[in-house]
């Protein structure tokens, strides 16, 4: 709805503009501002990240190499958010250790895109799977029943902590179906994951428990090779540099 007290359109939602000597009507900026706010309110961004932006992303101050590497990542994310949808690949996949700032950057990209008029939806990966599974219960709430369809059809989908769920046949089939549908229908995914991938220089990390012969699971192990392949097909993959935990850096300037 237009702003009823807008001084430009007087509440009509339209203004008269002239281009090349020809007058015509166009939508007032107050419509765009209201739509942006509605898109942001509906995006489901957790309160912890509601103020995340590219302008307040904290770079290391005690490691120049890490700061440069992380700034390069930030510039890639900024370029993606600025140029979308005119990009080589419609999505982003941020891979790296916990605490490297992946979620902040992913939300910052989504925030920029919402500011440009796009709509998007944030989902924690585990919560999404739990909601989809709960939807099979006849007594489940409407939000659970709608979780899968909203994740399928959102203009932009942000999946945080991808692969952070015990792999089962049901999980693999569900994730593969979701990612394949979005890939086939050119619906972008912005995703973050702590899991490694050997194709981008990330060998599997040693597991937290067990003997030295055991190794941590890769992204393909946790979501299935088909889903991983589709994700790499549709996303620009960014390997996060190893840096001090982002939460510690941010806390020092708070």
Protein backbone atom coordinates (compact mmCIF):
# COMPACT_ATOMS: atom_id res chain seq x y z
CA UNK A 1 0.00 0.00 0.00
CA UNK A 2 1.24 3.54 -0.72
CA UNK A 3 2.12 5.86 2.13
CA UNK A 4 -1.04 7.98 2.65
CA UNK A 5 1.05 10.98 3.73
CA UNK A 6 3.73 10.69 1.04
CA UNK A 7 4.48 14.24 -0.20
CA UNK A 8 5.41 12.96 -3.67
CA UNK A 9 2.34 10.93 -4.60
CA UNK A 10 -0.16 12.16 -1.97
CA UNK A 11 -1.05 8.57 -1.20
CA UNK A 12 -1.82 7.47 -4.76
CA UNK A 13 1.33 5.37 -5.20
CA UNK A 14 2.04 7.02 -8.56
CA UNK A 15 3.98 10.08 -9.67
CA UNK A 16 4.29 11.84 -13.02
CA UNK A 17 7.77 11.57 -14.50
CA UNK A 18 9.20 12.86 -17.76
CA UNK A 19 11.62 10.92 -19.95
CA UNK A 20 12.83 12.07 -23.37
CA UNK A 21 10.25 14.82 -23.36
CA UNK A 22 7.36 12.41 -22.73
CA UNK A 23 5.36 12.48 -19.49
CA UNK A 24 4.11 9.30 -17.90
CA UNK A 25 3.18 7.69 -14.60
CA UNK A 26 5.57 5.58 -12.55
CA UNK A 27 5.48 3.95 -9.15
CA UNK A 28 6.43 6.20 -6.24
CA UNK A 29 9.45 5.34 -4.11
CA UNK A 30 7.20 4.98 -1.07
CA UNK A 31 5.80 1.79 -2.61
CA UNK A 32 9.30 0.33 -2.97
CA UNK A 33 10.23 1.31 0.60
CA UNK A 34 7.15 -0.39 2.01
CA UNK A 35 7.74 -3.50 -0.11
CA UNK A 36 11.34 -3.68 1.09
CA UNK A 37 10.23 -3.52 4.71
CA UNK A 38 7.60 -6.21 4.13
CA UNK A 39 10.16 -8.45 2.42
CA UNK A 40 12.58 -7.97 5.31
CA UNK A 41 9.88 -8.68 7.93
CA UNK A 42 8.95 -11.90 6.11
CA UNK A 43 12.52 -13.12 5.53
CA UNK A 44 12.84 -14.87 8.89
CA UNK A 45 16.27 -13.42 9.71
CA UNK A 46 17.22 -14.42 13.29
CA UNK A 47 17.54 -11.46 15.72
CA UNK A 48 21.27 -12.21 16.11
CA UNK A 49 21.81 -11.27 12.45
CA UNK A 50 19.09 -8.69 11.86
CA UNK A 51 21.67 -5.88 11.65
CA UNK A 52 24.26 -7.82 9.63
CA UNK A 53 25.50 -5.84 6.65
CA UNK A 54 28.56 -5.56 4.46
CA UNK A 55 29.34 -2.20 6.06
CA UNK A 56 29.64 -3.59 9.60
CA UNK A 57 31.54 -6.79 8.77
CA UNK A 58 34.60 -6.87 11.03
CA UNK A 59 38.00 -7.66 9.48
CA UNK A 60 40.98 -8.90 11.54
CA UNK A 61 43.29 -6.18 12.84
CA UNK A 62 46.19 -8.37 13.96
CA UNK A 63 46.76 -10.40 10.79
CA UNK A 64 47.19 -8.44 7.56
CA UNK A 65 47.18 -11.51 5.30
CA UNK A 66 43.97 -12.82 6.85
CA UNK A 67 42.42 -9.35 6.61
CA UNK A 68 43.27 -9.09 2.89
CA UNK A 69 41.95 -12.56 2.14
CA UNK A 70 38.74 -11.91 4.02
CA UNK A 71 38.33 -8.52 2.38
CA UNK A 72 38.59 -10.23 -1.00
CA UNK A 73 35.75 -12.55 0.03
CA UNK A 74 33.71 -9.57 1.16
CA UNK A 75 34.26 -7.86 -2.21
CA UNK A 76 33.07 -10.98 -4.04
CA UNK A 77 29.91 -11.08 -1.92
CA UNK A 78 29.36 -7.34 -2.44
CA UNK A 79 29.78 -7.73 -6.20
CA UNK A 80 27.33 -10.63 -6.27
CA UNK A 81 24.69 -8.69 -4.33
CA UNK A 82 25.19 -5.61 -6.51
CA UNK A 83 25.13 -7.36 -9.90
CA UNK A 84 22.49 -10.04 -9.25
CA UNK A 85 20.81 -11.43 -11.32
CA UNK A 86 23.40 -10.58 -13.99
CA UNK A 87 25.97 -12.97 -12.55
CA UNK A 88 27.65 -16.10 -13.93
CA UNK A 89 25.97 -18.31 -11.32
CA UNK A 90 22.79 -17.27 -9.49
CA UNK A 91 23.77 -18.57 -6.04
CA UNK A 92 26.54 -18.39 -3.45
CA UNK A 93 28.07 -21.15 -1.34
CA UNK A 94 30.33 -20.06 1.53
CA UNK A 95 32.51 -22.92 2.82
CA UNK A 96 34.80 -22.61 5.83
CA UNK A 97 35.56 -23.27 9.46
CA UNK A 98 33.09 -22.22 12.16
CA UNK A 99 33.50 -18.58 13.16
CA UNK A 100 34.82 -17.21 9.87
CA UNK A 101 31.84 -14.91 9.34
CA UNK A 102 29.94 -16.96 6.75
CA UNK A 103 26.47 -16.35 8.13
CA UNK A 104 27.07 -12.61 8.56
CA UNK A 105 28.16 -12.32 4.92
CA UNK A 106 25.29 -14.48 3.65
CA UNK A 107 22.71 -12.41 5.52
CA UNK A 108 24.44 -9.20 4.38
CA UNK A 109 24.08 -10.35 0.76
CA UNK A 110 20.41 -11.16 1.31
CA UNK A 111 19.89 -7.82 3.04
CA UNK A 112 21.39 -5.99 0.05
CA UNK A 113 19.20 -7.93 -2.36
CA UNK A 114 16.07 -7.18 -0.34
CA UNK A 115 17.07 -3.53 -0.45
CA UNK A 116 17.11 -3.81 -4.23
CA UNK A 117 13.55 -5.11 -4.30
CA UNK A 118 14.02 -8.89 -4.20
CA UNK A 119 12.43 -11.14 -1.59
CA UNK A 120 14.15 -13.95 0.28
CA UNK A 121 13.85 -16.47 3.08
CA UNK A 122 16.35 -17.50 5.76
CA UNK A 123 16.31 -21.09 7.01
CA UNK A 124 18.59 -22.84 9.44
CA UNK A 125 19.22 -26.16 7.71
CA UNK A 126 18.40 -28.36 10.70
CA UNK A 127 15.28 -26.37 11.52
CA UNK A 128 14.06 -26.65 7.93
CA UNK A 129 14.46 -30.43 7.92
CA UNK A 130 12.74 -30.70 11.31
CA UNK A 131 9.85 -28.58 10.03
CA UNK A 132 9.50 -30.67 6.87
CA UNK A 133 9.52 -33.89 8.91
CA UNK A 134 7.00 -32.48 11.38
CA UNK A 135 4.68 -31.60 8.50
CA UNK A 136 3.85 -35.29 8.11
CA UNK A 137 2.15 -35.17 11.52
CA UNK A 138 -1.58 -34.30 11.04
CA UNK A 139 -1.43 -32.18 14.19
CA UNK A 140 1.49 -30.06 12.99
CA UNK A 141 1.12 -26.30 12.70
CA UNK A 142 0.64 -24.48 9.43
CA UNK A 143 4.24 -23.18 9.42
CA UNK A 144 5.55 -26.77 9.45
CA UNK A 145 3.15 -27.83 6.69
CA UNK A 146 4.23 -24.91 4.53
CA UNK A 147 7.99 -25.19 5.19
CA UNK A 148 8.85 -27.34 2.19
CA UNK A 149 6.76 -25.40 -0.34
CA UNK A 150 8.03 -22.03 0.89
CA UNK A 151 11.63 -23.27 0.67
CA UNK A 152 10.96 -24.52 -2.86
CA UNK A 153 9.34 -21.35 -4.13
CA UNK A 154 11.11 -18.50 -2.29
CA UNK A 155 12.63 -16.03 -4.72
CA UNK A 156 15.93 -16.32 -2.82
CA UNK A 157 16.65 -19.05 -0.26
CA UNK A 158 19.37 -18.72 2.36
CA UNK A 159 20.31 -22.09 3.89
CA UNK A 160 22.55 -21.66 6.93
CA UNK A 161 24.79 -24.47 8.19
CA UNK A 162 24.07 -26.75 5.26
CA UNK A 163 24.77 -30.42 6.01
CA UNK A 164 24.57 -30.05 9.80
CA UNK A 165 22.23 -32.99 10.22
CA UNK A 166 22.74 -36.72 10.51
CA UNK A 167 22.50 -38.13 7.00
CA UNK A 168 19.70 -40.62 6.29
CA UNK A 169 18.04 -41.70 3.06
CA UNK A 170 15.14 -39.35 3.85
CA UNK A 171 17.46 -36.39 4.46
CA UNK A 172 19.42 -37.06 1.27
CA UNK A 173 16.25 -37.43 -0.83
CA UNK A 174 14.67 -34.30 0.66
CA UNK A 175 17.74 -32.10 0.20
CA UNK A 176 18.37 -33.42 -3.31
CA UNK A 177 14.75 -32.73 -4.27
CA UNK A 178 14.88 -29.20 -2.86
CA UNK A 179 18.18 -28.23 -4.47
CA UNK A 180 17.35 -29.89 -7.80
CA UNK A 181 14.01 -28.11 -8.02
CA UNK A 182 15.56 -24.74 -7.31
CA UNK A 183 18.40 -25.37 -9.75
CA UNK A 184 16.05 -26.47 -12.54
CA UNK A 185 13.80 -23.45 -11.99
CA UNK A 186 16.68 -20.96 -11.68
CA UNK A 187 15.78 -20.09 -8.10
CA UNK A 188 18.99 -19.03 -6.32
CA UNK A 189 20.36 -20.48 -3.11
CA UNK A 190 22.75 -18.68 -0.78
CA UNK A 191 24.24 -21.31 1.54
CA UNK A 192 26.84 -21.64 4.26
CA UNK A 193 28.51 -24.80 5.49
CA UNK A 194 31.26 -25.81 7.91
CA UNK A 195 31.86 -29.00 5.93
CA UNK A 196 34.91 -29.47 3.75
CA UNK A 197 35.07 -30.23 0.05
CA UNK A 198 38.21 -31.63 -1.60
CA UNK A 199 37.51 -29.86 -4.91
CA UNK A 200 38.11 -26.46 -3.38
CA UNK A 201 41.19 -27.34 -1.39
CA UNK A 202 39.42 -28.47 1.73
CA UNK A 203 40.50 -31.92 2.78
CA UNK A 204 38.28 -33.65 5.29
CA UNK A 205 39.16 -32.57 8.82
CA UNK A 206 40.03 -35.11 11.52
CA UNK A 207 36.95 -36.23 13.39
CA UNK A 208 36.48 -34.93 16.92
CA UNK A 209 36.54 -38.44 18.35
CA UNK A 210 38.11 -41.75 17.42
CA UNK A 211 41.51 -42.76 16.15
CA UNK A 212 43.78 -40.78 13.88
CA UNK A 213 42.62 -42.92 10.99
CA UNK A 214 39.12 -41.43 11.09
CA UNK A 215 38.27 -38.29 9.18
CA UNK A 216 35.43 -35.83 9.26
CA UNK A 217 32.67 -36.06 6.72
CA UNK A 218 32.59 -33.90 3.61
CA UNK A 219 29.72 -31.89 2.16
CA UNK A 220 28.96 -34.69 -0.30
CA UNK A 221 28.87 -37.17 2.58
CA UNK A 222 26.29 -35.09 4.42
CA UNK A 223 23.90 -34.03 1.65
CA UNK A 224 24.61 -36.62 -1.04
CA UNK A 225 26.65 -36.39 -4.22
CA UNK A 226 23.69 -35.41 -6.42
CA UNK A 227 22.73 -32.46 -4.24
CA UNK A 228 26.35 -31.40 -3.92
CA UNK A 229 26.79 -31.53 -7.71
CA UNK A 230 23.69 -29.43 -8.32
CA UNK A 231 24.74 -26.93 -5.67
CA UNK A 232 28.14 -26.45 -7.31
CA UNK A 233 26.39 -26.09 -10.68
CA UNK A 234 24.23 -23.20 -9.49
CA UNK A 235 26.48 -21.46 -6.95
CA UNK A 236 29.71 -19.54 -6.95
CA UNK A 237 31.73 -21.41 -4.33
CA UNK A 238 33.80 -19.30 -1.93
CA UNK A 239 36.39 -20.85 0.33
CA UNK A 240 36.62 -18.80 3.54
CA UNK A 241 40.18 -18.09 4.74
CA UNK A 242 41.29 -19.39 8.10
CA UNK A 243 40.97 -16.51 10.54
CA UNK A 244 40.32 -15.85 14.20
CA UNK A 245 36.76 -16.68 15.28
CA UNK A 246 34.49 -13.93 13.96
CA UNK A 247 32.55 -13.80 17.22
CA UNK A 248 35.70 -12.92 19.14
CA UNK A 249 36.64 -10.19 16.65
CA UNK A 250 33.19 -8.68 16.81
CA UNK A 251 33.06 -8.81 20.60
CA UNK A 252 36.25 -6.74 20.88
CA UNK A 253 34.68 -3.77 19.12
CA UNK A 254 31.26 -4.02 20.77
